[in-house]
Amino acid sequence: MPYTHAWQRYHIRYYSMTLLFIAFEMEMMFMYPWAVVFVEEGGKAMMEMGMFLAILSIGIVYAWREGVFRWQ
């Protein structure tokens, strides 16, 4: 029989890493359909993916500056 609640066992820093993992997984889910469309669209699809990756990169830089990647 557990003596503590399930939520008390995990430190809050794991939640931010989980959210980053989910963000990268969603990126990979969009890469395959983009590759199919890229064959048909060409440069326009490349620009759209560049914008998507730029927004994702901004999020990564923001997380880095906030210290999400530091394990203490």
PDB file of N, CA and C in Angstrom:
ATOM      1  N   MET A   1       0.839  -1.174   0.000  1.00  0.00           N
ATOM      2  CA  MET A   1       0.000   0.000   0.000  1.00  0.00           C
ATOM      3  C   MET A   1       0.891   1.248   0.000  1.00  0.00           C
ATOM      4  N   PRO A   2       0.703   2.151  -0.967  1.00  0.00           N
ATOM      5  CA  PRO A   2       1.546   3.345  -1.043  1.00  0.00           C
ATOM      6  C   PRO A   2       1.246   4.326   0.088  1.00  0.00           C
ATOM      7  N   TYR A   3       2.284   4.978   0.554  1.00  0.00           N
ATOM      8  CA  TYR A   3       2.138   5.957   1.640  1.00  0.00           C
ATOM      9  C   TYR A   3       2.060   7.393   1.131  1.00  0.00           C
ATOM     10  N   THR A   4       2.448   7.616  -0.134  1.00  0.00           N
ATOM     11  CA  THR A   4       2.379   8.965  -0.706  1.00  0.00           C
ATOM     12  C   THR A   4       1.496   8.935  -1.940  1.00  0.00           C
ATOM     13  N   HIS A   5       1.035  10.089  -2.308  1.00  0.00           N
ATOM     14  CA  HIS A   5       0.227  10.229  -3.509  1.00  0.00           C
ATOM     15  C   HIS A   5       1.131  10.081  -4.731  1.00  0.00           C
ATOM     16  N   ALA A   6       0.604   9.585  -5.829  1.00  0.00           N
ATOM     17  CA  ALA A   6       1.405   9.331  -7.034  1.00  0.00           C
ATOM     18  C   ALA A   6       2.051  10.600  -7.580  1.00  0.00           C
ATOM     19  N   TRP A   7       1.391  11.749  -7.451  1.00  0.00           N
ATOM     20  CA  TRP A   7       1.934  12.991  -7.994  1.00  0.00           C
ATOM     21  C   TRP A   7       3.128  13.499  -7.185  1.00  0.00           C
ATOM     22  N   GLN A   8       3.291  13.072  -5.983  1.00  0.00           N
ATOM     23  CA  GLN A   8       4.374  13.564  -5.145  1.00  0.00           C
ATOM     24  C   GLN A   8       5.704  12.882  -5.453  1.00  0.00           C
ATOM     25  N   ARG A   9       5.702  11.824  -6.205  1.00  0.00           N
ATOM     26  CA  ARG A   9       6.928  11.090  -6.454  1.00  0.00           C
ATOM     27  C   ARG A   9       7.806  11.686  -7.553  1.00  0.00           C
ATOM     28  N   TYR A  10       7.252  12.500  -8.404  1.00  0.00           N
ATOM     29  CA  TYR A  10       7.989  13.014  -9.548  1.00  0.00           C
ATOM     30  C   TYR A  10       8.252  14.509  -9.377  1.00  0.00           C
ATOM     31  N   HIS A  11       9.459  14.887  -9.700  1.00  0.00           N
ATOM     32  CA  HIS A  11       9.825  16.298  -9.611  1.00  0.00           C
ATOM     33  C   HIS A  11       9.240  17.042 -10.809  1.00  0.00           C
ATOM     34  N   ILE A  12       8.944  18.297 -10.645  1.00  0.00           N
ATOM     35  CA  ILE A  12       8.292  19.106 -11.674  1.00  0.00           C
ATOM     36  C   ILE A  12       9.177  19.267 -12.911  1.00  0.00           C
ATOM     37  N   ARG A  13      10.489  19.148 -12.791  1.00  0.00           N
ATOM     38  CA  ARG A  13      11.364  19.345 -13.953  1.00  0.00           C
ATOM     39  C   ARG A  13      11.135  18.294 -15.028  1.00  0.00           C
ATOM     40  N   TYR A  14      10.604  17.148 -14.691  1.00  0.00           N
ATOM     41  CA  TYR A  14      10.348  16.120 -15.693  1.00  0.00           C
ATOM     42  C   TYR A  14       9.195  16.501 -16.609  1.00  0.00           C
ATOM     43  N   TYR A  15       8.284  17.311 -16.149  1.00  0.00           N
ATOM     44  CA  TYR A  15       7.155  17.711 -16.978  1.00  0.00           C
ATOM     45  C   TYR A  15       7.609  18.607 -18.129  1.00  0.00           C
ATOM     46  N   SER A  16       8.526  19.514 -17.889  1.00  0.00           N
ATOM     47  CA  SER A  16       9.001  20.369 -18.974  1.00  0.00           C
ATOM     48  C   SER A  16       9.759  19.561 -20.019  1.00  0.00           C
ATOM     49  N   MET A  17      10.534  18.586 -19.592  1.00  0.00           N
ATOM     50  CA  MET A  17      11.233  17.739 -20.554  1.00  0.00           C
ATOM     51  C   MET A  17      10.223  16.898 -21.347  1.00  0.00           C
ATOM     52  N   THR A  18       9.165  16.467 -20.711  1.00  0.00           N
ATOM     53  CA  THR A  18       8.132  15.702 -21.406  1.00  0.00           C
ATOM     54  C   THR A  18       7.450  16.555 -22.461  1.00  0.00           C
ATOM     55  N   LEU A  19       7.175  17.803 -22.144  1.00  0.00           N
ATOM     56  CA  LEU A  19       6.551  18.689 -23.123  1.00  0.00           C
ATOM     57  C   LEU A  19       7.468  18.936 -24.309  1.00  0.00           C
ATOM     58  N   LEU A  20       8.764  19.082 -24.074  1.00  0.00           N
ATOM     59  CA  LEU A  20       9.703  19.237 -25.178  1.00  0.00           C
ATOM     60  C   LEU A  20       9.757  17.979 -26.039  1.00  0.00           C
ATOM     61  N   PHE A  21       9.737  16.815 -25.416  1.00  0.00           N
ATOM     62  CA  PHE A  21       9.732  15.562 -26.155  1.00  0.00           C
ATOM     63  C   PHE A  21       8.499  15.473 -27.047  1.00  0.00           C
ATOM     64  N   ILE A  22       7.345  15.841 -26.511  1.00  0.00           N
ATOM     65  CA  ILE A  22       6.114  15.801 -27.299  1.00  0.00           C
ATOM     66  C   ILE A  22       6.196  16.780 -28.468  1.00  0.00           C
ATOM     67  N   ALA A  23       6.789  17.948 -28.252  1.00  0.00           N
ATOM     68  CA  ALA A  23       6.938  18.920 -29.333  1.00  0.00           C
ATOM     69  C   ALA A  23       7.784  18.348 -30.463  1.00  0.00           C
ATOM     70  N   PHE A  24       8.868  17.663 -30.134  1.00  0.00           N
ATOM     71  CA  PHE A  24       9.712  17.075 -31.171  1.00  0.00           C
ATOM     72  C   PHE A  24       9.017  15.910 -31.857  1.00  0.00           C
ATOM     73  N   GLU A  25       8.222  15.157 -31.124  1.00  0.00           N
ATOM     74  CA  GLU A  25       7.469  14.067 -31.741  1.00  0.00           C
ATOM     75  C   GLU A  25       6.452  14.623 -32.730  1.00  0.00           C
ATOM     76  N   MET A  26       5.797  15.708 -32.380  1.00  0.00           N
ATOM     77  CA  MET A  26       4.833  16.312 -33.298  1.00  0.00           C
ATOM     78  C   MET A  26       5.536  16.821 -34.548  1.00  0.00           C
ATOM     79  N   GLU A  27       6.732  17.336 -34.390  1.00  0.00           N
ATOM     80  CA  GLU A  27       7.497  17.786 -35.552  1.00  0.00           C
ATOM     81  C   GLU A  27       7.749  16.619 -36.495  1.00  0.00           C
ATOM     82  N   MET A  28       8.138  15.488 -35.967  1.00  0.00           N
ATOM     83  CA  MET A  28       8.419  14.329 -36.804  1.00  0.00           C
ATOM     84  C   MET A  28       7.155  13.802 -37.480  1.00  0.00           C
ATOM     85  N   MET A  29       6.008  13.944 -36.815  1.00  0.00           N
ATOM     86  CA  MET A  29       4.760  13.507 -37.434  1.00  0.00           C
ATOM     87  C   MET A  29       4.409  14.369 -38.645  1.00  0.00           C
ATOM     88  N   PHE A  30       4.840  15.627 -38.651  1.00  0.00           N
ATOM     89  CA  PHE A  30       4.562  16.512 -39.775  1.00  0.00           C
ATOM     90  C   PHE A  30       5.589  16.390 -40.890  1.00  0.00           C
ATOM     91  N   MET A  31       6.712  15.754 -40.619  1.00  0.00           N
ATOM     92  CA  MET A  31       7.768  15.679 -41.631  1.00  0.00           C
ATOM     93  C   MET A  31       7.401  14.742 -42.790  1.00  0.00           C
ATOM     94  N   TYR A  32       6.770  13.625 -42.519  1.00  0.00           N
ATOM     95  CA  TYR A  32       6.436  12.694 -43.599  1.00  0.00           C
ATOM     96  C   TYR A  32       5.412  13.282 -44.575  1.00  0.00           C
ATOM     97  N   PRO A  33       4.277  13.808 -44.099  1.00  0.00           N
ATOM     98  CA  PRO A  33       3.344  14.409 -45.071  1.00  0.00           C
ATOM     99  C   PRO A  33       3.983  15.579 -45.822  1.00  0.00           C
ATOM    100  N   TRP A  34       4.858  16.315 -45.147  1.00  0.00           N
ATOM    101  CA  TRP A  34       5.528  17.419 -45.824  1.00  0.00           C
ATOM    102  C   TRP A  34       6.406  16.897 -46.955  1.00  0.00           C
ATOM    103  N   ALA A  35       7.082  15.779 -46.731  1.00  0.00           N
ATOM    104  CA  ALA A  35       7.939  15.211 -47.770  1.00  0.00           C
ATOM    105  C   ALA A  35       7.119  14.793 -48.986  1.00  0.00           C
ATOM    106  N   VAL A  36       5.923  14.296 -48.765  1.00  0.00           N
ATOM    107  CA  VAL A  36       5.054  13.918 -49.881  1.00  0.00           C
ATOM    108  C   VAL A  36       4.618  15.161 -50.650  1.00  0.00           C
ATOM    109  N   VAL A  37       4.248  16.213 -49.933  1.00  0.00           N
ATOM    110  CA  VAL A  37       3.815  17.456 -50.579  1.00  0.00           C
ATOM    111  C   VAL A  37       4.993  18.155 -51.250  1.00  0.00           C
ATOM    112  N   PHE A  38       6.182  18.024 -50.689  1.00  0.00           N
ATOM    113  CA  PHE A  38       7.364  18.688 -51.245  1.00  0.00           C
ATOM    114  C   PHE A  38       7.620  18.243 -52.679  1.00  0.00           C
ATOM    115  N   VAL A  39       7.353  16.992 -52.979  1.00  0.00           N
ATOM    116  CA  VAL A  39       7.563  16.480 -54.333  1.00  0.00           C
ATOM    117  C   VAL A  39       6.678  17.237 -55.317  1.00  0.00           C
ATOM    118  N   GLU A  40       5.463  17.578 -54.901  1.00  0.00           N
ATOM    119  CA  GLU A  40       4.539  18.270 -55.793  1.00  0.00           C
ATOM    120  C   GLU A  40       4.747  19.786 -55.806  1.00  0.00           C
ATOM    121  N   GLU A  41       4.977  20.387 -54.648  1.00  0.00           N
ATOM    122  CA  GLU A  41       5.001  21.844 -54.518  1.00  0.00           C
ATOM    123  C   GLU A  41       6.374  22.466 -54.739  1.00  0.00           C
ATOM    124  N   GLY A  42       7.430  21.813 -54.287  1.00  0.00           N
ATOM    125  CA  GLY A  42       8.774  22.326 -54.492  1.00  0.00           C
ATOM    126  C   GLY A  42       9.152  23.423 -53.514  1.00  0.00           C
ATOM    127  N   GLY A  43       9.493  24.603 -54.051  1.00  0.00           N
ATOM    128  CA  GLY A  43      10.025  25.708 -53.257  1.00  0.00           C
ATOM    129  C   GLY A  43       9.052  26.255 -52.218  1.00  0.00           C
ATOM    130  N   LYS A  44       7.771  26.284 -52.560  1.00  0.00           N
ATOM    131  CA  LYS A  44       6.774  26.789 -51.612  1.00  0.00           C
ATOM    132  C   LYS A  44       6.747  25.914 -50.354  1.00  0.00           C
ATOM    133  N   ALA A  45       6.782  24.602 -50.554  1.00  0.00           N
ATOM    134  CA  ALA A  45       6.786  23.685 -49.408  1.00  0.00           C
ATOM    135  C   ALA A  45       8.064  23.842 -48.594  1.00  0.00           C
ATOM    136  N   MET A  46       9.171  24.123 -49.271  1.00  0.00           N
ATOM    137  CA  MET A  46      10.443  24.319 -48.561  1.00  0.00           C
ATOM    138  C   MET A  46      10.373  25.562 -47.678  1.00  0.00           C
ATOM    139  N   MET A  47       9.765  26.632 -48.182  1.00  0.00           N
ATOM    140  CA  MET A  47       9.623  27.843 -47.380  1.00  0.00           C
ATOM    141  C   MET A  47       8.716  27.611 -46.173  1.00  0.00           C
ATOM    142  N   GLU A  48       7.645  26.875 -46.363  1.00  0.00           N
ATOM    143  CA  GLU A  48       6.733  26.597 -45.254  1.00  0.00           C
ATOM    144  C   GLU A  48       7.419  25.772 -44.175  1.00  0.00           C
ATOM    145  N   MET A  49       8.205  24.780 -44.573  1.00  0.00           N
ATOM    146  CA  MET A  49       8.916  23.970 -43.586  1.00  0.00           C
ATOM    147  C   MET A  49       9.992  24.807 -42.906  1.00  0.00           C
ATOM    148  N   GLY A  50      10.624  25.702 -43.642  1.00  0.00           N
ATOM    149  CA  GLY A  50      11.608  26.593 -43.031  1.00  0.00           C
ATOM    150  C   GLY A  50      10.983  27.468 -41.954  1.00  0.00           C
ATOM    151  N   MET A  51       9.789  27.983 -42.233  1.00  0.00           N
ATOM    152  CA  MET A  51       9.096  28.796 -41.233  1.00  0.00           C
ATOM    153  C   MET A  51       8.718  27.952 -40.019  1.00  0.00           C
ATOM    154  N   PHE A  52       8.256  26.731 -40.246  1.00  0.00           N
ATOM    155  CA  PHE A  52       7.891  25.835 -39.150  1.00  0.00           C
ATOM    156  C   PHE A  52       9.102  25.540 -38.274  1.00  0.00           C
ATOM    157  N   LEU A  53      10.230  25.223 -38.903  1.00  0.00           N
ATOM    158  CA  LEU A  53      11.440  24.917 -38.143  1.00  0.00           C
ATOM    159  C   LEU A  53      11.995  26.153 -37.438  1.00  0.00           C
ATOM    160  N   ALA A  54      11.811  27.333 -38.046  1.00  0.00           N
ATOM    161  CA  ALA A  54      12.260  28.561 -37.398  1.00  0.00           C
ATOM    162  C   ALA A  54      11.460  28.820 -36.119  1.00  0.00           C
ATOM    163  N   ILE A  55      10.150  28.633 -36.184  1.00  0.00           N
ATOM    164  CA  ILE A  55       9.314  28.813 -34.996  1.00  0.00           C
ATOM    165  C   ILE A  55       9.693  27.800 -33.926  1.00  0.00           C
ATOM    166  N   LEU A  56       9.925  26.556 -34.331  1.00  0.00           N
ATOM    167  CA  LEU A  56      10.340  25.533 -33.382  1.00  0.00           C
ATOM    168  C   LEU A  56      11.694  25.878 -32.768  1.00  0.00           C
ATOM    169  N   SER A  57      12.604  26.399 -33.581  1.00  0.00           N
ATOM    170  CA  SER A  57      13.920  26.788 -33.071  1.00  0.00           C
ATOM    171  C   SER A  57      13.820  27.926 -32.065  1.00  0.00           C
ATOM    172  N   ILE A  58      12.936  28.863 -32.312  1.00  0.00           N
ATOM    173  CA  ILE A  58      12.729  29.956 -31.360  1.00  0.00           C
ATOM    174  C   ILE A  58      12.254  29.391 -30.024  1.00  0.00           C
ATOM    175  N   GLY A  59      11.359  28.417 -30.075  1.00  0.00           N
ATOM    176  CA  GLY A  59      10.896  27.774 -28.846  1.00  0.00           C
ATOM    177  C   GLY A  59      12.014  27.055 -28.110  1.00  0.00           C
ATOM    178  N   ILE A  60      12.899  26.412 -28.847  1.00  0.00           N
ATOM    179  CA  ILE A  60      14.024  25.713 -28.227  1.00  0.00           C
ATOM    180  C   ILE A  60      14.984  26.711 -27.582  1.00  0.00           C
ATOM    181  N   VAL A  61      15.276  27.793 -28.266  1.00  0.00           N
ATOM    182  CA  VAL A  61      16.168  28.816 -27.702  1.00  0.00           C
ATOM    183  C   VAL A  61      15.556  29.423 -26.452  1.00  0.00           C
ATOM    184  N   TYR A  62      14.250  29.675 -26.486  1.00  0.00           N
ATOM    185  CA  TYR A  62      13.572  30.212 -25.308  1.00  0.00           C
ATOM    186  C   TYR A  62      13.668  29.238 -24.140  1.00  0.00           C
ATOM    187  N   ALA A  63      13.418  27.955 -24.404  1.00  0.00           N
ATOM    188  CA  ALA A  63      13.507  26.949 -23.343  1.00  0.00           C
ATOM    189  C   ALA A  63      14.930  26.863 -22.802  1.00  0.00           C
ATOM    190  N   TRP A  64      15.897  26.955 -23.674  1.00  0.00           N
ATOM    191  CA  TRP A  64      17.306  26.905 -23.259  1.00  0.00           C
ATOM    192  C   TRP A  64      17.628  28.077 -22.329  1.00  0.00           C
ATOM    193  N   ARG A  65      17.180  29.277 -22.716  1.00  0.00           N
ATOM    194  CA  ARG A  65      17.456  30.468 -21.896  1.00  0.00           C
ATOM    195  C   ARG A  65      16.736  30.415 -20.558  1.00  0.00           C
ATOM    196  N   GLU A  66      15.591  29.761 -20.497  1.00  0.00           N
ATOM    197  CA  GLU A  66      14.843  29.622 -19.243  1.00  0.00           C
ATOM    198  C   GLU A  66      15.424  28.536 -18.358  1.00  0.00           C
ATOM    199  N   GLY A  67      16.351  27.744 -18.870  1.00  0.00           N
ATOM    200  CA  GLY A  67      17.002  26.731 -18.066  1.00  0.00           C
ATOM    201  C   GLY A  67      16.291  25.393 -18.024  1.00  0.00           C
ATOM    202  N   VAL A  68      15.458  25.111 -19.017  1.00  0.00           N
ATOM    203  CA  VAL A  68      14.712  23.858 -19.021  1.00  0.00           C
ATOM    204  C   VAL A  68      15.654  22.668 -19.179  1.00  0.00           C
ATOM    205  N   PHE A  69      16.741  22.847 -19.899  1.00  0.00           N
ATOM    206  CA  PHE A  69      17.644  21.733 -20.172  1.00  0.00           C
ATOM    207  C   PHE A  69      18.649  21.471 -19.055  1.00  0.00           C
ATOM    208  N   ARG A  70      18.647  22.258 -18.000  1.00  0.00           N
ATOM    209  CA  ARG A  70      19.574  22.042 -16.883  1.00  0.00           C
ATOM    210  C   ARG A  70      19.009  21.010 -15.928  1.00  0.00           C
ATOM    211  N   TRP A  71      19.809  20.020 -15.609  1.00  0.00           N
ATOM    212  CA  TRP A  71      19.413  18.986 -14.638  1.00  0.00           C
ATOM    213  C   TRP A  71      20.141  19.288 -13.334  1.00  0.00           C
ATOM    214  N   GLN A  72      19.390  19.583 -12.308  1.00  0.00           N
ATOM    215  CA  GLN A  72      20.020  19.906 -11.027  1.00  0.00           C
ATOM    216  C   GLN A  72      19.560  18.967  -9.945  1.00  0.00           C
TER     217      GLN A  72
END
